């Protein structure tokens, strides 16, 4: 997994986690367990998972500090995810 793909993944994870926390009746602990199971199925180690979560938390904190820029951030993440999925198809 190259750095650009990892960054796109983390950005997507951050956006998805943020939206899920706002809209879903799932607790933070349950959400982390679910994400952990998905990453484990994809062969991501616990250490890598912890690093991804730390990066996602930092990105979410940064994004919530800049609420006017939040839509732009989400648009960029979605574009990156679209670019990544086009390359894998």
PDB file of N, CA and C in Angstrom:
ATOM      1  N   UNK A   1       0.859  -1.167   0.000  1.00  0.00           N
ATOM      2  CA  UNK A   1       0.000   0.000   0.000  1.00  0.00           C
ATOM      3  C   UNK A   1       0.903   1.226   0.000  1.00  0.00           C
ATOM      4  N   UNK A   2       0.806   2.046  -1.048  1.00  0.00           N
ATOM      5  CA  UNK A   2       1.658   3.225  -1.107  1.00  0.00           C
ATOM      6  C   UNK A   2       1.081   4.343  -0.241  1.00  0.00           C
ATOM      7  N   UNK A   3       1.851   5.402  -0.055  1.00  0.00           N
ATOM      8  CA  UNK A   3       1.471   6.493   0.845  1.00  0.00           C
ATOM      9  C   UNK A   3       0.208   7.201   0.368  1.00  0.00           C
ATOM     10  N   UNK A   4       0.063   7.408  -0.923  1.00  0.00           N
ATOM     11  CA  UNK A   4      -1.119   8.101  -1.451  1.00  0.00           C
ATOM     12  C   UNK A   4      -2.381   7.278  -1.199  1.00  0.00           C
ATOM     13  N   UNK A   5      -2.288   5.979  -1.417  1.00  0.00           N
ATOM     14  CA  UNK A   5      -3.422   5.098  -1.172  1.00  0.00           C
ATOM     15  C   UNK A   5      -3.766   5.070   0.310  1.00  0.00           C
ATOM     16  N   UNK A   6      -2.745   4.994   1.164  1.00  0.00           N
ATOM     17  CA  UNK A   6      -2.977   4.992   2.603  1.00  0.00           C
ATOM     18  C   UNK A   6      -3.616   6.300   3.049  1.00  0.00           C
ATOM     19  N   UNK A   7      -3.143   7.412   2.509  1.00  0.00           N
ATOM     20  CA  UNK A   7      -3.719   8.708   2.858  1.00  0.00           C
ATOM     21  C   UNK A   7      -5.176   8.785   2.400  1.00  0.00           C
ATOM     22  N   UNK A   8      -5.469   8.288   1.219  1.00  0.00           N
ATOM     23  CA  UNK A   8      -6.846   8.266   0.732  1.00  0.00           C
ATOM     24  C   UNK A   8      -7.708   7.381   1.620  1.00  0.00           C
ATOM     25  N   UNK A   9      -7.148   6.244   2.027  1.00  0.00           N
ATOM     26  CA  UNK A   9      -7.875   5.335   2.913  1.00  0.00           C
ATOM     27  C   UNK A   9      -8.161   6.003   4.251  1.00  0.00           C
ATOM     28  N   UNK A  10      -7.157   6.648   4.822  1.00  0.00           N
ATOM     29  CA  UNK A  10      -7.316   7.323   6.111  1.00  0.00           C
ATOM     30  C   UNK A  10      -8.324   8.460   5.982  1.00  0.00           C
ATOM     31  N   UNK A  11      -8.242   9.208   4.895  1.00  0.00           N
ATOM     32  CA  UNK A  11      -9.206  10.280   4.679  1.00  0.00           C
ATOM     33  C   UNK A  11     -10.622   9.745   4.570  1.00  0.00           C
ATOM     34  N   UNK A  12     -10.779   8.672   3.824  1.00  0.00           N
ATOM     35  CA  UNK A  12     -12.089   8.044   3.698  1.00  0.00           C
ATOM     36  C   UNK A  12     -12.576   7.482   5.021  1.00  0.00           C
ATOM     37  N   UNK A  13     -11.651   6.880   5.757  1.00  0.00           N
ATOM     38  CA  UNK A  13     -11.983   6.357   7.078  1.00  0.00           C
ATOM     39  C   UNK A  13     -12.416   7.490   8.003  1.00  0.00           C
ATOM     40  N   UNK A  14     -11.700   8.600   7.974  1.00  0.00           N
ATOM     41  CA  UNK A  14     -12.035   9.741   8.827  1.00  0.00           C
ATOM     42  C   UNK A  14     -13.408  10.298   8.475  1.00  0.00           C
ATOM     43  N   UNK A  15     -13.653  10.481   7.193  1.00  0.00           N
ATOM     44  CA  UNK A  15     -14.949  11.006   6.772  1.00  0.00           C
ATOM     45  C   UNK A  15     -16.067  10.032   7.124  1.00  0.00           C
ATOM     46  N   UNK A  16     -15.851   8.773   6.831  1.00  0.00           N
ATOM     47  CA  UNK A  16     -16.863   7.763   7.128  1.00  0.00           C
ATOM     48  C   UNK A  16     -17.121   7.629   8.617  1.00  0.00           C
ATOM     49  N   UNK A  17     -16.059   7.634   9.396  1.00  0.00           N
ATOM     50  CA  UNK A  17     -16.216   7.530  10.842  1.00  0.00           C
ATOM     51  C   UNK A  17     -16.952   8.744  11.390  1.00  0.00           C
ATOM     52  N   UNK A  18     -16.613   9.915  10.906  1.00  0.00           N
ATOM     53  CA  UNK A  18     -17.278  11.131  11.365  1.00  0.00           C
ATOM     54  C   UNK A  18     -18.752  11.121  11.029  1.00  0.00           C
ATOM     55  N   UNK A  19     -19.077  10.754   9.812  1.00  0.00           N
ATOM     56  CA  UNK A  19     -20.477  10.694   9.397  1.00  0.00           C
ATOM     57  C   UNK A  19     -21.222   9.616  10.179  1.00  0.00           C
ATOM     58  N   UNK A  20     -20.570   8.465  10.359  1.00  0.00           N
ATOM     59  CA  UNK A  20     -21.203   7.374  11.109  1.00  0.00           C
ATOM     60  C   UNK A  20     -21.483   7.783  12.547  1.00  0.00           C
ATOM     61  N   UNK A  21     -20.548   8.475  13.166  1.00  0.00           N
ATOM     62  CA  UNK A  21     -20.756   8.910  14.537  1.00  0.00           C
ATOM     63  C   UNK A  21     -21.902   9.906  14.644  1.00  0.00           C
ATOM     64  N   UNK A  22     -22.067  10.735  13.633  1.00  0.00           N
ATOM     65  CA  UNK A  22     -23.142  11.714  13.648  1.00  0.00           C
ATOM     66  C   UNK A  22     -24.505  11.098  13.357  1.00  0.00           C
ATOM     67  N   UNK A  23     -24.557  10.091  12.507  1.00  0.00           N
ATOM     68  CA  UNK A  23     -25.834   9.580  12.020  1.00  0.00           C
ATOM     69  C   UNK A  23     -26.244   8.228  12.595  1.00  0.00           C
ATOM     70  N   UNK A  24     -25.321   7.413  13.006  1.00  0.00           N
ATOM     71  CA  UNK A  24     -25.642   6.058  13.434  1.00  0.00           C
ATOM     72  C   UNK A  24     -25.775   5.972  14.958  1.00  0.00           C
ATOM     73  N   UNK A  25     -26.632   5.087  15.435  1.00  0.00           N
ATOM     74  CA  UNK A  25     -26.780   4.925  16.878  1.00  0.00           C
ATOM     75  C   UNK A  25     -25.749   3.959  17.461  1.00  0.00           C
ATOM     76  N   UNK A  26     -24.585   3.913  16.867  1.00  0.00           N
ATOM     77  CA  UNK A  26     -23.513   3.026  17.320  1.00  0.00           C
ATOM     78  C   UNK A  26     -22.566   3.788  18.218  1.00  0.00           C
ATOM     79  N   UNK A  27     -22.154   3.153  19.315  1.00  0.00           N
ATOM     80  CA  UNK A  27     -21.201   3.809  20.206  1.00  0.00           C
ATOM     81  C   UNK A  27     -19.814   3.817  19.563  1.00  0.00           C
ATOM     82  N   UNK A  28     -18.950   4.666  20.074  1.00  0.00           N
ATOM     83  CA  UNK A  28     -17.586   4.746  19.555  1.00  0.00           C
ATOM     84  C   UNK A  28     -16.846   3.430  19.667  1.00  0.00           C
ATOM     85  N   UNK A  29     -17.024   2.751  20.798  1.00  0.00           N
ATOM     86  CA  UNK A  29     -16.362   1.457  21.001  1.00  0.00           C
ATOM     87  C   UNK A  29     -16.837   0.409  20.011  1.00  0.00           C
ATOM     88  N   UNK A  30     -18.146   0.367  19.789  1.00  0.00           N
ATOM     89  CA  UNK A  30     -18.690  -0.583  18.818  1.00  0.00           C
ATOM     90  C   UNK A  30     -18.192  -0.275  17.421  1.00  0.00           C
ATOM     91  N   UNK A  31     -18.124   1.014  17.084  1.00  0.00           N
ATOM     92  CA  UNK A  31     -17.643   1.416  15.769  1.00  0.00           C
ATOM     93  C   UNK A  31     -16.184   1.018  15.579  1.00  0.00           C
ATOM     94  N   UNK A  32     -15.351   1.249  16.598  1.00  0.00           N
ATOM     95  CA  UNK A  32     -13.936   0.859  16.499  1.00  0.00           C
ATOM     96  C   UNK A  32     -13.785  -0.647  16.342  1.00  0.00           C
ATOM     97  N   UNK A  33     -14.601  -1.423  17.068  1.00  0.00           N
ATOM     98  CA  UNK A  33     -14.538  -2.880  16.923  1.00  0.00           C
ATOM     99  C   UNK A  33     -14.921  -3.308  15.511  1.00  0.00           C
ATOM    100  N   UNK A  34     -15.950  -2.677  14.972  1.00  0.00           N
ATOM    101  CA  UNK A  34     -16.391  -3.014  13.611  1.00  0.00           C
ATOM    102  C   UNK A  34     -15.304  -2.675  12.592  1.00  0.00           C
ATOM    103  N   UNK A  35     -14.725  -1.481  12.729  1.00  0.00           N
ATOM    104  CA  UNK A  35     -13.640  -1.092  11.825  1.00  0.00           C
ATOM    105  C   UNK A  35     -12.473  -2.048  11.983  1.00  0.00           C
ATOM    106  N   UNK A  36     -12.167  -2.423  13.223  1.00  0.00           N
ATOM    107  CA  UNK A  36     -11.073  -3.363  13.488  1.00  0.00           C
ATOM    108  C   UNK A  36     -11.292  -4.700  12.803  1.00  0.00           C
ATOM    109  N   UNK A  37     -12.520  -5.215  12.851  1.00  0.00           N
ATOM    110  CA  UNK A  37     -12.819  -6.490  12.189  1.00  0.00           C
ATOM    111  C   UNK A  37     -12.650  -6.381  10.672  1.00  0.00           C
ATOM    112  N   UNK A  38     -13.121  -5.279  10.113  1.00  0.00           N
ATOM    113  CA  UNK A  38     -12.989  -5.086   8.665  1.00  0.00           C
ATOM    114  C   UNK A  38     -11.524  -5.036   8.262  1.00  0.00           C
ATOM    115  N   UNK A  39     -10.725  -4.263   9.020  1.00  0.00           N
ATOM    116  CA  UNK A  39      -9.303  -4.150   8.694  1.00  0.00           C
ATOM    117  C   UNK A  39      -8.584  -5.479   8.888  1.00  0.00           C
ATOM    118  N   UNK A  40      -8.968  -6.227   9.917  1.00  0.00           N
ATOM    119  CA  UNK A  40      -8.358  -7.544  10.150  1.00  0.00           C
ATOM    120  C   UNK A  40      -8.633  -8.471   8.971  1.00  0.00           C
ATOM    121  N   UNK A  41      -9.866  -8.427   8.461  1.00  0.00           N
ATOM    122  CA  UNK A  41     -10.215  -9.230   7.290  1.00  0.00           C
ATOM    123  C   UNK A  41      -9.385  -8.841   6.070  1.00  0.00           C
ATOM    124  N   UNK A  42      -8.959  -7.592   6.016  1.00  0.00           N
ATOM    125  CA  UNK A  42      -8.167  -7.095   4.891  1.00  0.00           C
ATOM    126  C   UNK A  42      -6.668  -7.274   5.140  1.00  0.00           C
ATOM    127  N   UNK A  43      -6.300  -7.886   6.280  1.00  0.00           N
ATOM    128  CA  UNK A  43      -4.902  -8.171   6.559  1.00  0.00           C
ATOM    129  C   UNK A  43      -4.114  -7.014   7.146  1.00  0.00           C
ATOM    130  N   UNK A  44      -4.811  -6.034   7.735  1.00  0.00           N
ATOM    131  CA  UNK A  44      -4.134  -4.887   8.338  1.00  0.00           C
ATOM    132  C   UNK A  44      -3.825  -5.230   9.795  1.00  0.00           C
ATOM    133  N   UNK A  45      -2.578  -5.056  10.220  1.00  0.00           N
ATOM    134  CA  UNK A  45      -2.167  -5.402  11.574  1.00  0.00           C
ATOM    135  C   UNK A  45      -2.784  -4.461  12.610  1.00  0.00           C
ATOM    136  N   UNK A  46      -2.785  -4.898  13.867  1.00  0.00           N
ATOM    137  CA  UNK A  46      -3.313  -4.068  14.967  1.00  0.00           C
ATOM    138  C   UNK A  46      -2.517  -2.768  15.084  1.00  0.00           C
ATOM    139  N   UNK A  47      -1.196  -2.845  14.901  1.00  0.00           N
ATOM    140  CA  UNK A  47      -0.360  -1.650  14.985  1.00  0.00           C
ATOM    141  C   UNK A  47      -0.727  -0.655  13.883  1.00  0.00           C
ATOM    142  N   UNK A  48      -0.921  -1.168  12.675  1.00  0.00           N
ATOM    143  CA  UNK A  48      -1.312  -0.314  11.550  1.00  0.00           C
ATOM    144  C   UNK A  48      -2.704   0.268  11.807  1.00  0.00           C
ATOM    145  N   UNK A  49      -3.602  -0.550  12.359  1.00  0.00           N
ATOM    146  CA  UNK A  49      -4.942  -0.096  12.707  1.00  0.00           C
ATOM    147  C   UNK A  49      -4.871   1.054  13.711  1.00  0.00           C
ATOM    148  N   UNK A  50      -4.059   0.894  14.755  1.00  0.00           N
ATOM    149  CA  UNK A  50      -3.917   1.954  15.764  1.00  0.00           C
ATOM    150  C   UNK A  50      -3.379   3.239  15.134  1.00  0.00           C
ATOM    151  N   UNK A  51      -2.426   3.101  14.218  1.00  0.00           N
ATOM    152  CA  UNK A  51      -1.868   4.273  13.543  1.00  0.00           C
ATOM    153  C   UNK A  51      -2.929   4.941  12.666  1.00  0.00           C
ATOM    154  N   UNK A  52      -3.729   4.147  11.983  1.00  0.00           N
ATOM    155  CA  UNK A  52      -4.792   4.684  11.135  1.00  0.00           C
ATOM    156  C   UNK A  52      -5.816   5.425  11.986  1.00  0.00           C
ATOM    157  N   UNK A  53      -6.203   4.842  13.108  1.00  0.00           N
ATOM    158  CA  UNK A  53      -7.179   5.483  13.996  1.00  0.00           C
ATOM    159  C   UNK A  53      -6.621   6.794  14.535  1.00  0.00           C
ATOM    160  N   UNK A  54      -5.353   6.817  14.920  1.00  0.00           N
ATOM    161  CA  UNK A  54      -4.736   8.049  15.422  1.00  0.00           C
ATOM    162  C   UNK A  54      -4.764   9.131  14.336  1.00  0.00           C
ATOM    163  N   UNK A  55      -4.426   8.741  13.104  1.00  0.00           N
ATOM    164  CA  UNK A  55      -4.455   9.704  12.002  1.00  0.00           C
ATOM    165  C   UNK A  55      -5.887  10.176  11.733  1.00  0.00           C
ATOM    166  N   UNK A  56      -6.840   9.251  11.799  1.00  0.00           N
ATOM    167  CA  UNK A  56      -8.238   9.619  11.559  1.00  0.00           C
ATOM    168  C   UNK A  56      -8.728  10.588  12.628  1.00  0.00           C
ATOM    169  N   UNK A  57      -8.379  10.321  13.892  1.00  0.00           N
ATOM    170  CA  UNK A  57      -8.778  11.220  14.974  1.00  0.00           C
ATOM    171  C   UNK A  57      -8.190  12.608  14.767  1.00  0.00           C
ATOM    172  N   UNK A  58      -6.930  12.657  14.367  1.00  0.00           N
ATOM    173  CA  UNK A  58      -6.282  13.950  14.127  1.00  0.00           C
ATOM    174  C   UNK A  58      -6.968  14.692  12.980  1.00  0.00           C
ATOM    175  N   UNK A  59      -7.287  13.964  11.905  1.00  0.00           N
ATOM    176  CA  UNK A  59      -7.956  14.595  10.771  1.00  0.00           C
ATOM    177  C   UNK A  59      -9.356  15.068  11.152  1.00  0.00           C
ATOM    178  N   UNK A  60     -10.076  14.279  11.945  1.00  0.00           N
ATOM    179  CA  UNK A  60     -11.408  14.696  12.387  1.00  0.00           C
ATOM    180  C   UNK A  60     -11.327  15.930  13.276  1.00  0.00           C
ATOM    181  N   UNK A  61     -10.361  15.955  14.189  1.00  0.00           N
ATOM    182  CA  UNK A  61     -10.203  17.120  15.059  1.00  0.00           C
ATOM    183  C   UNK A  61      -9.866  18.353  14.232  1.00  0.00           C
ATOM    184  N   UNK A  62      -8.976  18.179  13.273  1.00  0.00           N
ATOM    185  CA  UNK A  62      -8.594  19.288  12.397  1.00  0.00           C
ATOM    186  C   UNK A  62      -9.797  19.759  11.582  1.00  0.00           C
ATOM    187  N   UNK A  63     -10.565  18.807  11.069  1.00  0.00           N
ATOM    188  CA  UNK A  63     -11.714  19.152  10.233  1.00  0.00           C
ATOM    189  C   UNK A  63     -12.793  19.873  11.040  1.00  0.00           C
ATOM    190  N   UNK A  64     -13.030  19.431  12.256  1.00  0.00           N
ATOM    191  CA  UNK A  64     -14.073  20.072  13.049  1.00  0.00           C
ATOM    192  C   UNK A  64     -13.649  21.461  13.506  1.00  0.00           C
ATOM    193  N   UNK A  65     -12.368  21.723  13.546  1.00  0.00           N
ATOM    194  CA  UNK A  65     -11.884  23.065  13.864  1.00  0.00           C
ATOM    195  C   UNK A  65     -12.106  24.021  12.698  1.00  0.00           C
ATOM    196  N   UNK A  66     -12.262  23.458  11.490  1.00  0.00           N
ATOM    197  CA  UNK A  66     -12.444  24.273  10.290  1.00  0.00           C
ATOM    198  C   UNK A  66     -13.765  23.922   9.630  1.00  0.00           C
ATOM    199  N   UNK A  67     -14.846  24.045  10.364  1.00  0.00           N
ATOM    200  CA  UNK A  67     -16.160  23.668   9.844  1.00  0.00           C
ATOM    201  C   UNK A  67     -16.466  24.306   8.488  1.00  0.00           C
ATOM    202  N   UNK A  68     -16.125  25.585   8.238  1.00  0.00           N
ATOM    203  CA  UNK A  68     -16.424  26.131   6.908  1.00  0.00           C
ATOM    204  C   UNK A  68     -15.728  25.362   5.784  1.00  0.00           C
ATOM    205  N   UNK A  69     -14.592  24.722   6.083  1.00  0.00           N
ATOM    206  CA  UNK A  69     -13.849  23.978   5.073  1.00  0.00           C
ATOM    207  C   UNK A  69     -14.255  22.503   5.012  1.00  0.00           C
ATOM    208  N   UNK A  70     -15.179  22.078   5.866  1.00  0.00           N
ATOM    209  CA  UNK A  70     -15.519  20.666   5.962  1.00  0.00           C
ATOM    210  C   UNK A  70     -16.061  20.107   4.645  1.00  0.00           C
ATOM    211  N   UNK A  71     -16.897  20.853   3.953  1.00  0.00           N
ATOM    212  CA  UNK A  71     -17.440  20.370   2.687  1.00  0.00           C
ATOM    213  C   UNK A  71     -16.331  20.170   1.657  1.00  0.00           C
ATOM    214  N   UNK A  72     -15.372  21.088   1.618  1.00  0.00           N
ATOM    215  CA  UNK A  72     -14.244  20.967   0.697  1.00  0.00           C
ATOM    216  C   UNK A  72     -13.418  19.730   1.038  1.00  0.00           C
ATOM    217  N   UNK A  73     -13.186  19.504   2.323  1.00  0.00           N
ATOM    218  CA  UNK A  73     -12.414  18.337   2.760  1.00  0.00           C
ATOM    219  C   UNK A  73     -13.120  17.057   2.320  1.00  0.00           C
ATOM    220  N   UNK A  74     -14.419  16.989   2.554  1.00  0.00           N
ATOM    221  CA  UNK A  74     -15.171  15.790   2.177  1.00  0.00           C
ATOM    222  C   UNK A  74     -15.150  15.601   0.663  1.00  0.00           C
ATOM    223  N   UNK A  75     -15.319  16.684  -0.097  1.00  0.00           N
ATOM    224  CA  UNK A  75     -15.258  16.585  -1.561  1.00  0.00           C
ATOM    225  C   UNK A  75     -13.904  16.051  -2.019  1.00  0.00           C
ATOM    226  N   UNK A  76     -12.818  16.534  -1.416  1.00  0.00           N
ATOM    227  CA  UNK A  76     -11.478  16.059  -1.774  1.00  0.00           C
ATOM    228  C   UNK A  76     -11.296  14.586  -1.443  1.00  0.00           C
ATOM    229  N   UNK A  77     -11.800  14.169  -0.284  1.00  0.00           N
ATOM    230  CA  UNK A  77     -11.703  12.757   0.101  1.00  0.00           C
ATOM    231  C   UNK A  77     -12.475  11.893  -0.884  1.00  0.00           C
ATOM    232  N   UNK A  78     -13.676  12.319  -1.220  1.00  0.00           N
ATOM    233  CA  UNK A  78     -14.482  11.549  -2.166  1.00  0.00           C
ATOM    234  C   UNK A  78     -13.814  11.472  -3.524  1.00  0.00           C
ATOM    235  N   UNK A  79     -13.194  12.561  -3.954  1.00  0.00           N
ATOM    236  CA  UNK A  79     -12.481  12.558  -5.229  1.00  0.00           C
ATOM    237  C   UNK A  79     -11.306  11.591  -5.176  1.00  0.00           C
ATOM    238  N   UNK A  80     -10.546  11.621  -4.075  1.00  0.00           N
ATOM    239  CA  UNK A  80      -9.411  10.714  -3.920  1.00  0.00           C
ATOM    240  C   UNK A  80      -9.882   9.264  -3.920  1.00  0.00           C
ATOM    241  N   UNK A  81     -10.977   8.997  -3.210  1.00  0.00           N
ATOM    242  CA  UNK A  81     -11.513   7.640  -3.180  1.00  0.00           C
ATOM    243  C   UNK A  81     -11.940   7.206  -4.571  1.00  0.00           C
ATOM    244  N   UNK A  82     -12.568   8.115  -5.323  1.00  0.00           N
ATOM    245  CA  UNK A  82     -12.972   7.805  -6.694  1.00  0.00           C
ATOM    246  C   UNK A  82     -11.778   7.522  -7.575  1.00  0.00           C
ATOM    247  N   UNK A  83     -10.713   8.325  -7.423  1.00  0.00           N
ATOM    248  CA  UNK A  83      -9.489   8.109  -8.193  1.00  0.00           C
ATOM    249  C   UNK A  83      -8.876   6.768  -7.859  1.00  0.00           C
ATOM    250  N   UNK A  84      -8.876   6.398  -6.573  1.00  0.00           N
ATOM    251  CA  UNK A  84      -8.286   5.136  -6.143  1.00  0.00           C
ATOM    252  C   UNK A  84      -9.098   3.959  -6.669  1.00  0.00           C
ATOM    253  N   UNK A  85     -10.430   4.070  -6.640  1.00  0.00           N
ATOM    254  CA  UNK A  85     -11.263   2.950  -7.101  1.00  0.00           C
ATOM    255  C   UNK A  85     -11.166   2.786  -8.622  1.00  0.00           C
ATOM    256  N   UNK A  86     -10.982   3.879  -9.358  1.00  0.00           N
ATOM    257  CA  UNK A  86     -10.837   3.780 -10.807  1.00  0.00           C
ATOM    258  C   UNK A  86      -9.553   3.049 -11.180  1.00  0.00           C
ATOM    259  N   UNK A  87      -8.511   3.227 -10.378  1.00  0.00           N
ATOM    260  CA  UNK A  87      -7.228   2.577 -10.665  1.00  0.00           C
ATOM    261  C   UNK A  87      -7.284   1.085 -10.368  1.00  0.00           C
ATOM    262  N   UNK A  88      -8.125   0.672  -9.411  1.00  0.00           N
ATOM    263  CA  UNK A  88      -8.165  -0.739  -9.035  1.00  0.00           C
ATOM    264  C   UNK A  88      -9.126  -1.531  -9.883  1.00  0.00           C
ATOM    265  N   UNK A  89      -9.976  -0.856 -10.642  1.00  0.00           N
ATOM    266  CA  UNK A  89     -10.969  -1.578 -11.469  1.00  0.00           C
ATOM    267  C   UNK A  89     -10.369  -2.046 -12.745  1.00  0.00           C
TER     268      UNK A  89
END
